[in-house]
Amino acid sequence: MTGRRGAVEGLENAHPIGQQLPALYQDDGFALRFAGALDEVLAPLLLTLDCASAYFDPWLAPSDVLDWLAGWVGTEVDETWSLAKRREVVARSADLYRRQGTVSGLADRVELVFGVRPEIEESGGVAASATPGAPLPGRSEPGLLVRLRVDDPTTVDVRRLDVLIGAVKPAHLPHRVEVVGR
């Protein structure tokens, strides 16, 4: 970076302003130097605008922008994850957000983050009965149990799992998490 603000050494404007001046100014040394100075300042901005779509694609965005993009889709990424995993989490977050609060959405989110498909027991259900006055399905007390079966339960951060479940389950539903060996 040079001493001038906004200028990036070696970065050129793809559409130099001097070449777009009327023919009258094409021979004017001062006008071309002035336009060249503007090119130096505008090149980073124009390059960013030309590549804007890449900043919004989790598979192409620079890693520092990826973390910012995660906030746009309501996802937190862990700095300890590989770049490939962070990209996958951000890329799948919009779909998972759409299914947030459902059993399949919850199971997919846990599997994405922890790499293991959880067992989920929920108290409620939605069903119709052909018999009037029949008992409602599920248990009368609401609750959600998320069980993760892994080879070594000590490798799973239970607190992180609990926070994840709390963030993506229905807000009114109390939950418990269990991490057990296979």
C-alpha atoms as a PDB file:
ATOM      1  CA  MET A   1       0.000   0.000   0.000  1.00  0.00           C
ATOM      2  CA  THR A   2       1.348   3.391  -0.892  1.00  0.00           C
ATOM      3  CA  GLY A   3       1.246   6.423   1.362  1.00  0.00           C
ATOM      4  CA  ARG A   4      -1.875   7.713  -0.369  1.00  0.00           C
ATOM      5  CA  ARG A   5      -5.151   6.701   1.145  1.00  0.00           C
ATOM      6  CA  GLY A   6      -7.195   4.313  -1.015  1.00  0.00           C
ATOM      7  CA  ALA A   7      -4.399   3.477  -3.444  1.00  0.00           C
ATOM      8  CA  VAL A   8      -3.263  -0.142  -3.699  1.00  0.00           C
ATOM      9  CA  GLU A   9       0.125  -0.632  -5.308  1.00  0.00           C
ATOM     10  CA  GLY A  10      -0.066  -2.509  -8.609  1.00  0.00           C
ATOM     11  CA  LEU A  11      -3.874  -2.452  -8.785  1.00  0.00           C
ATOM     12  CA  GLU A  12      -5.083  -0.968 -12.026  1.00  0.00           C
ATOM     13  CA  ASN A  13      -8.476   0.354 -13.007  1.00  0.00           C
ATOM     14  CA  ALA A  14     -10.025  -1.966 -15.605  1.00  0.00           C
ATOM     15  CA  HIS A  15     -11.615   1.068 -17.274  1.00  0.00           C
ATOM     16  CA  PRO A  16      -9.065   3.917 -17.057  1.00  0.00           C
ATOM     17  CA  ILE A  17     -10.699   7.327 -16.887  1.00  0.00           C
ATOM     18  CA  GLY A  18      -8.071   8.889 -19.155  1.00  0.00           C
ATOM     19  CA  GLN A  19      -9.137   6.669 -22.051  1.00  0.00           C
ATOM     20  CA  GLN A  20     -12.706   7.833 -21.652  1.00  0.00           C
ATOM     21  CA  LEU A  21     -11.892  11.543 -21.870  1.00  0.00           C
ATOM     22  CA  PRO A  22     -12.843  13.433 -25.028  1.00  0.00           C
ATOM     23  CA  ALA A  23     -10.139  13.508 -27.704  1.00  0.00           C
ATOM     24  CA  LEU A  24      -9.381  17.144 -26.825  1.00  0.00           C
ATOM     25  CA  TYR A  25      -8.011  16.024 -23.412  1.00  0.00           C
ATOM     26  CA  GLN A  26      -6.279  12.855 -24.643  1.00  0.00           C
ATOM     27  CA  ASP A  27      -3.212  14.978 -25.583  1.00  0.00           C
ATOM     28  CA  ASP A  28      -3.286  17.043 -22.361  1.00  0.00           C
ATOM     29  CA  GLY A  29      -0.609  15.698 -19.995  1.00  0.00           C
ATOM     30  CA  PHE A  30      -2.155  17.336 -16.913  1.00  0.00           C
ATOM     31  CA  ALA A  31      -5.631  15.915 -17.633  1.00  0.00           C
ATOM     32  CA  LEU A  32      -4.196  12.404 -18.122  1.00  0.00           C
ATOM     33  CA  ARG A  33      -2.143  12.611 -14.883  1.00  0.00           C
ATOM     34  CA  PHE A  34      -5.201  13.882 -12.998  1.00  0.00           C
ATOM     35  CA  ALA A  35      -7.352  11.068 -14.412  1.00  0.00           C
ATOM     36  CA  GLY A  36      -4.568   8.588 -13.563  1.00  0.00           C
ATOM     37  CA  ALA A  37      -4.590   9.764  -9.945  1.00  0.00           C
ATOM     38  CA  LEU A  38      -8.351   9.167  -9.822  1.00  0.00           C
ATOM     39  CA  ASP A  39      -7.821   5.706 -11.320  1.00  0.00           C
ATOM     40  CA  GLU A  40      -5.435   4.859  -8.479  1.00  0.00           C
ATOM     41  CA  VAL A  41      -7.987   5.852  -5.856  1.00  0.00           C
ATOM     42  CA  LEU A  42     -11.018   4.356  -7.589  1.00  0.00           C
ATOM     43  CA  ALA A  43      -9.458   1.021  -8.652  1.00  0.00           C
ATOM     44  CA  PRO A  44     -10.076  -0.772  -5.298  1.00  0.00           C
ATOM     45  CA  LEU A  45     -13.672   0.471  -5.193  1.00  0.00           C
ATOM     46  CA  LEU A  46     -14.416  -0.497  -8.793  1.00  0.00           C
ATOM     47  CA  LEU A  47     -12.782  -3.908  -8.357  1.00  0.00           C
ATOM     48  CA  THR A  48     -14.856  -4.543  -5.244  1.00  0.00           C
ATOM     49  CA  LEU A  49     -18.046  -3.582  -7.069  1.00  0.00           C
ATOM     50  CA  ASP A  50     -17.119  -5.749 -10.057  1.00  0.00           C
ATOM     51  CA  CYS A  51     -16.662  -8.725  -7.717  1.00  0.00           C
ATOM     52  CA  ALA A  52     -19.556  -7.962  -5.337  1.00  0.00           C
ATOM     53  CA  SER A  53     -21.423 -11.174  -6.159  1.00  0.00           C
ATOM     54  CA  ALA A  54     -18.447 -13.224  -4.926  1.00  0.00           C
ATOM     55  CA  TYR A  55     -18.675 -11.541  -1.524  1.00  0.00           C
ATOM     56  CA  PHE A  56     -22.226 -12.887  -1.096  1.00  0.00           C
ATOM     57  CA  ASP A  57     -21.380 -16.452  -2.129  1.00  0.00           C
ATOM     58  CA  PRO A  58     -20.172 -18.463   0.886  1.00  0.00           C
ATOM     59  CA  TRP A  59     -18.114 -20.714  -1.391  1.00  0.00           C
ATOM     60  CA  LEU A  60     -16.181 -17.745  -2.864  1.00  0.00           C
ATOM     61  CA  ALA A  61     -16.155 -15.044  -0.164  1.00  0.00           C
ATOM     62  CA  PRO A  62     -12.858 -14.202   1.562  1.00  0.00           C
ATOM     63  CA  SER A  63     -12.662 -15.816   5.002  1.00  0.00           C
ATOM     64  CA  ASP A  64     -13.067 -12.553   6.933  1.00  0.00           C
ATOM     65  CA  VAL A  65     -16.158 -11.684   4.876  1.00  0.00           C
ATOM     66  CA  LEU A  66     -17.502 -15.210   5.411  1.00  0.00           C
ATOM     67  CA  ASP A  67     -17.770 -14.618   9.159  1.00  0.00           C
ATOM     68  CA  TRP A  68     -19.648 -11.374   8.496  1.00  0.00           C
ATOM     69  CA  LEU A  69     -21.900 -13.178   6.001  1.00  0.00           C
ATOM     70  CA  ALA A  70     -22.696 -15.782   8.665  1.00  0.00           C
ATOM     71  CA  GLY A  71     -24.312 -13.026  10.723  1.00  0.00           C
ATOM     72  CA  TRP A  72     -26.550 -12.171   7.775  1.00  0.00           C
ATOM     73  CA  VAL A  73     -28.009 -15.674   7.769  1.00  0.00           C
ATOM     74  CA  GLY A  74     -28.295 -15.892  11.565  1.00  0.00           C
ATOM     75  CA  THR A  75     -25.431 -18.315  12.099  1.00  0.00           C
ATOM     76  CA  GLU A  76     -22.440 -18.277  14.366  1.00  0.00           C
ATOM     77  CA  VAL A  77     -19.311 -20.004  13.150  1.00  0.00           C
ATOM     78  CA  ASP A  78     -16.611 -21.422  15.368  1.00  0.00           C
ATOM     79  CA  GLU A  79     -13.074 -20.167  14.676  1.00  0.00           C
ATOM     80  CA  THR A  80     -11.766 -23.679  15.315  1.00  0.00           C
ATOM     81  CA  TRP A  81     -13.669 -25.078  12.311  1.00  0.00           C
ATOM     82  CA  SER A  82     -11.876 -25.502   9.032  1.00  0.00           C
ATOM     83  CA  LEU A  83     -12.601 -22.941   6.326  1.00  0.00           C
ATOM     84  CA  ALA A  84     -14.437 -25.615   4.314  1.00  0.00           C
ATOM     85  CA  LYS A  85     -16.740 -26.424   7.252  1.00  0.00           C
ATOM     86  CA  ARG A  86     -17.432 -22.730   7.925  1.00  0.00           C
ATOM     87  CA  ARG A  87     -18.330 -22.282   4.247  1.00  0.00           C
ATOM     88  CA  GLU A  88     -20.675 -25.289   4.354  1.00  0.00           C
ATOM     89  CA  VAL A  89     -22.401 -24.070   7.528  1.00  0.00           C
ATOM     90  CA  VAL A  90     -22.992 -20.607   6.072  1.00  0.00           C
ATOM     91  CA  ALA A  91     -24.117 -22.015   2.707  1.00  0.00           C
ATOM     92  CA  ARG A  92     -26.686 -24.330   4.312  1.00  0.00           C
ATOM     93  CA  SER A  93     -27.882 -21.858   6.940  1.00  0.00           C
ATOM     94  CA  ALA A  94     -30.574 -20.187   4.848  1.00  0.00           C
ATOM     95  CA  ASP A  95     -32.269 -23.530   4.188  1.00  0.00           C
ATOM     96  CA  LEU A  96     -31.860 -24.595   7.813  1.00  0.00           C
ATOM     97  CA  TYR A  97     -33.236 -21.261   9.031  1.00  0.00           C
ATOM     98  CA  ARG A  98     -36.324 -21.830   6.882  1.00  0.00           C
ATOM     99  CA  ARG A  99     -36.881 -25.150   8.695  1.00  0.00           C
ATOM    100  CA  GLN A 100     -35.935 -23.854  12.143  1.00  0.00           C
ATOM    101  CA  GLY A 101     -38.126 -25.234  14.900  1.00  0.00           C
ATOM    102  CA  THR A 102     -38.904 -28.470  13.044  1.00  0.00           C
ATOM    103  CA  VAL A 103     -37.484 -31.848  14.019  1.00  0.00           C
ATOM    104  CA  SER A 104     -35.780 -32.288  10.645  1.00  0.00           C
ATOM    105  CA  GLY A 105     -34.305 -28.776  10.751  1.00  0.00           C
ATOM    106  CA  LEU A 106     -33.016 -29.328  14.285  1.00  0.00           C
ATOM    107  CA  ALA A 107     -31.532 -32.727  13.392  1.00  0.00           C
ATOM    108  CA  ASP A 108     -29.869 -31.344  10.244  1.00  0.00           C
ATOM    109  CA  ARG A 109     -28.365 -28.413  12.172  1.00  0.00           C
ATOM    110  CA  VAL A 110     -26.925 -30.680  14.879  1.00  0.00           C
ATOM    111  CA  GLU A 111     -25.555 -33.078  12.277  1.00  0.00           C
ATOM    112  CA  LEU A 112     -23.958 -30.219  10.346  1.00  0.00           C
ATOM    113  CA  VAL A 113     -22.234 -28.790  13.419  1.00  0.00           C
ATOM    114  CA  PHE A 114     -21.357 -31.996  15.300  1.00  0.00           C
ATOM    115  CA  GLY A 115     -21.158 -34.512  12.448  1.00  0.00           C
ATOM    116  CA  VAL A 116     -23.596 -36.947  14.098  1.00  0.00           C
ATOM    117  CA  ARG A 117     -27.326 -37.378  13.443  1.00  0.00           C
ATOM    118  CA  PRO A 118     -29.113 -36.910  16.792  1.00  0.00           C
ATOM    119  CA  GLU A 119     -32.022 -38.845  18.224  1.00  0.00           C
ATOM    120  CA  ILE A 120     -34.848 -36.429  19.001  1.00  0.00           C
ATOM    121  CA  GLU A 121     -37.797 -37.095  21.278  1.00  0.00           C
ATOM    122  CA  GLU A 122     -40.481 -34.459  21.429  1.00  0.00           C
ATOM    123  CA  SER A 123     -43.552 -34.344  23.610  1.00  0.00           C
ATOM    124  CA  GLY A 124     -46.073 -32.954  21.193  1.00  0.00           C
ATOM    125  CA  GLY A 125     -47.499 -33.930  17.924  1.00  0.00           C
ATOM    126  CA  VAL A 126     -50.008 -32.846  15.391  1.00  0.00           C
ATOM    127  CA  ALA A 127     -52.553 -35.451  14.405  1.00  0.00           C
ATOM    128  CA  ALA A 128     -56.208 -35.816  13.713  1.00  0.00           C
ATOM    129  CA  SER A 129     -58.408 -38.426  15.287  1.00  0.00           C
ATOM    130  CA  ALA A 130     -61.342 -40.045  13.564  1.00  0.00           C
ATOM    131  CA  THR A 131     -62.857 -40.628  16.998  1.00  0.00           C
ATOM    132  CA  PRO A 132     -64.383 -37.572  18.695  1.00  0.00           C
ATOM    133  CA  GLY A 133     -63.058 -37.008  22.221  1.00  0.00           C
ATOM    134  CA  ALA A 134     -60.023 -39.265  21.719  1.00  0.00           C
ATOM    135  CA  PRO A 135     -56.896 -38.354  23.701  1.00  0.00           C
ATOM    136  CA  LEU A 136     -54.434 -35.955  22.112  1.00  0.00           C
ATOM    137  CA  PRO A 137     -51.175 -37.411  20.783  1.00  0.00           C
ATOM    138  CA  GLY A 138     -47.933 -36.954  22.682  1.00  0.00           C
ATOM    139  CA  ARG A 139     -47.403 -36.105  26.334  1.00  0.00           C
ATOM    140  CA  SER A 140     -49.321 -33.372  28.103  1.00  0.00           C
ATOM    141  CA  GLU A 141     -46.163 -31.674  29.404  1.00  0.00           C
ATOM    142  CA  PRO A 142     -44.075 -30.061  26.663  1.00  0.00           C
ATOM    143  CA  GLY A 143     -40.454 -31.070  26.302  1.00  0.00           C
ATOM    144  CA  LEU A 144     -37.668 -31.902  23.903  1.00  0.00           C
ATOM    145  CA  LEU A 145     -34.818 -34.371  24.351  1.00  0.00           C
ATOM    146  CA  VAL A 146     -31.865 -34.341  21.967  1.00  0.00           C
ATOM    147  CA  ARG A 147     -29.575 -37.339  22.345  1.00  0.00           C
ATOM    148  CA  LEU A 148     -26.226 -37.579  20.588  1.00  0.00           C
ATOM    149  CA  ARG A 149     -24.620 -41.033  20.357  1.00  0.00           C
ATOM    150  CA  VAL A 150     -20.865 -40.817  19.811  1.00  0.00           C
ATOM    151  CA  ASP A 151     -17.870 -43.101  20.287  1.00  0.00           C
ATOM    152  CA  ASP A 152     -16.342 -40.877  22.990  1.00  0.00           C
ATOM    153  CA  PRO A 153     -18.795 -38.583  24.819  1.00  0.00           C
ATOM    154  CA  THR A 154     -15.922 -36.524  26.269  1.00  0.00           C
ATOM    155  CA  THR A 155     -15.129 -35.183  22.772  1.00  0.00           C
ATOM    156  CA  VAL A 156     -18.469 -33.344  22.534  1.00  0.00           C
ATOM    157  CA  ASP A 157     -18.871 -29.899  24.070  1.00  0.00           C
ATOM    158  CA  VAL A 158     -22.244 -30.400  25.798  1.00  0.00           C
ATOM    159  CA  ARG A 159     -22.564 -26.697  26.590  1.00  0.00           C
ATOM    160  CA  ARG A 160     -22.169 -25.818  22.909  1.00  0.00           C
ATOM    161  CA  LEU A 161     -24.761 -28.445  21.960  1.00  0.00           C
ATOM    162  CA  ASP A 162     -27.154 -27.033  24.572  1.00  0.00           C
ATOM    163  CA  VAL A 163     -26.678 -23.487  23.250  1.00  0.00           C
ATOM    164  CA  LEU A 164     -27.261 -24.667  19.674  1.00  0.00           C
ATOM    165  CA  ILE A 165     -30.475 -26.473  20.617  1.00  0.00           C
ATOM    166  CA  GLY A 166     -31.681 -23.455  22.570  1.00  0.00           C
ATOM    167  CA  ALA A 167     -31.125 -21.233  19.538  1.00  0.00           C
ATOM    168  CA  VAL A 168     -32.971 -23.362  16.979  1.00  0.00           C
ATOM    169  CA  LYS A 169     -35.815 -25.051  18.896  1.00  0.00           C
ATOM    170  CA  PRO A 170     -39.250 -23.498  19.425  1.00  0.00           C
ATOM    171  CA  ALA A 171     -38.840 -20.851  22.137  1.00  0.00           C
ATOM    172  CA  HIS A 172     -41.659 -22.137  24.367  1.00  0.00           C
ATOM    173  CA  LEU A 173     -40.325 -25.693  24.522  1.00  0.00           C
ATOM    174  CA  PRO A 174     -38.020 -26.706  27.409  1.00  0.00           C
ATOM    175  CA  HIS A 175     -35.210 -28.984  26.302  1.00  0.00           C
ATOM    176  CA  ARG A 176     -32.573 -31.395  27.560  1.00  0.00           C
ATOM    177  CA  VAL A 177     -29.465 -32.719  25.848  1.00  0.00           C
ATOM    178  CA  GLU A 178     -27.715 -36.026  26.383  1.00  0.00           C
ATOM    179  CA  VAL A 179     -24.400 -37.154  24.987  1.00  0.00           C
ATOM    180  CA  VAL A 180     -23.951 -40.900  25.336  1.00  0.00           C
ATOM    181  CA  GLY A 181     -21.544 -43.550  24.097  1.00  0.00           C
ATOM    182  CA  ARG A 182     -22.473 -45.980  21.353  1.00  0.00           C
END
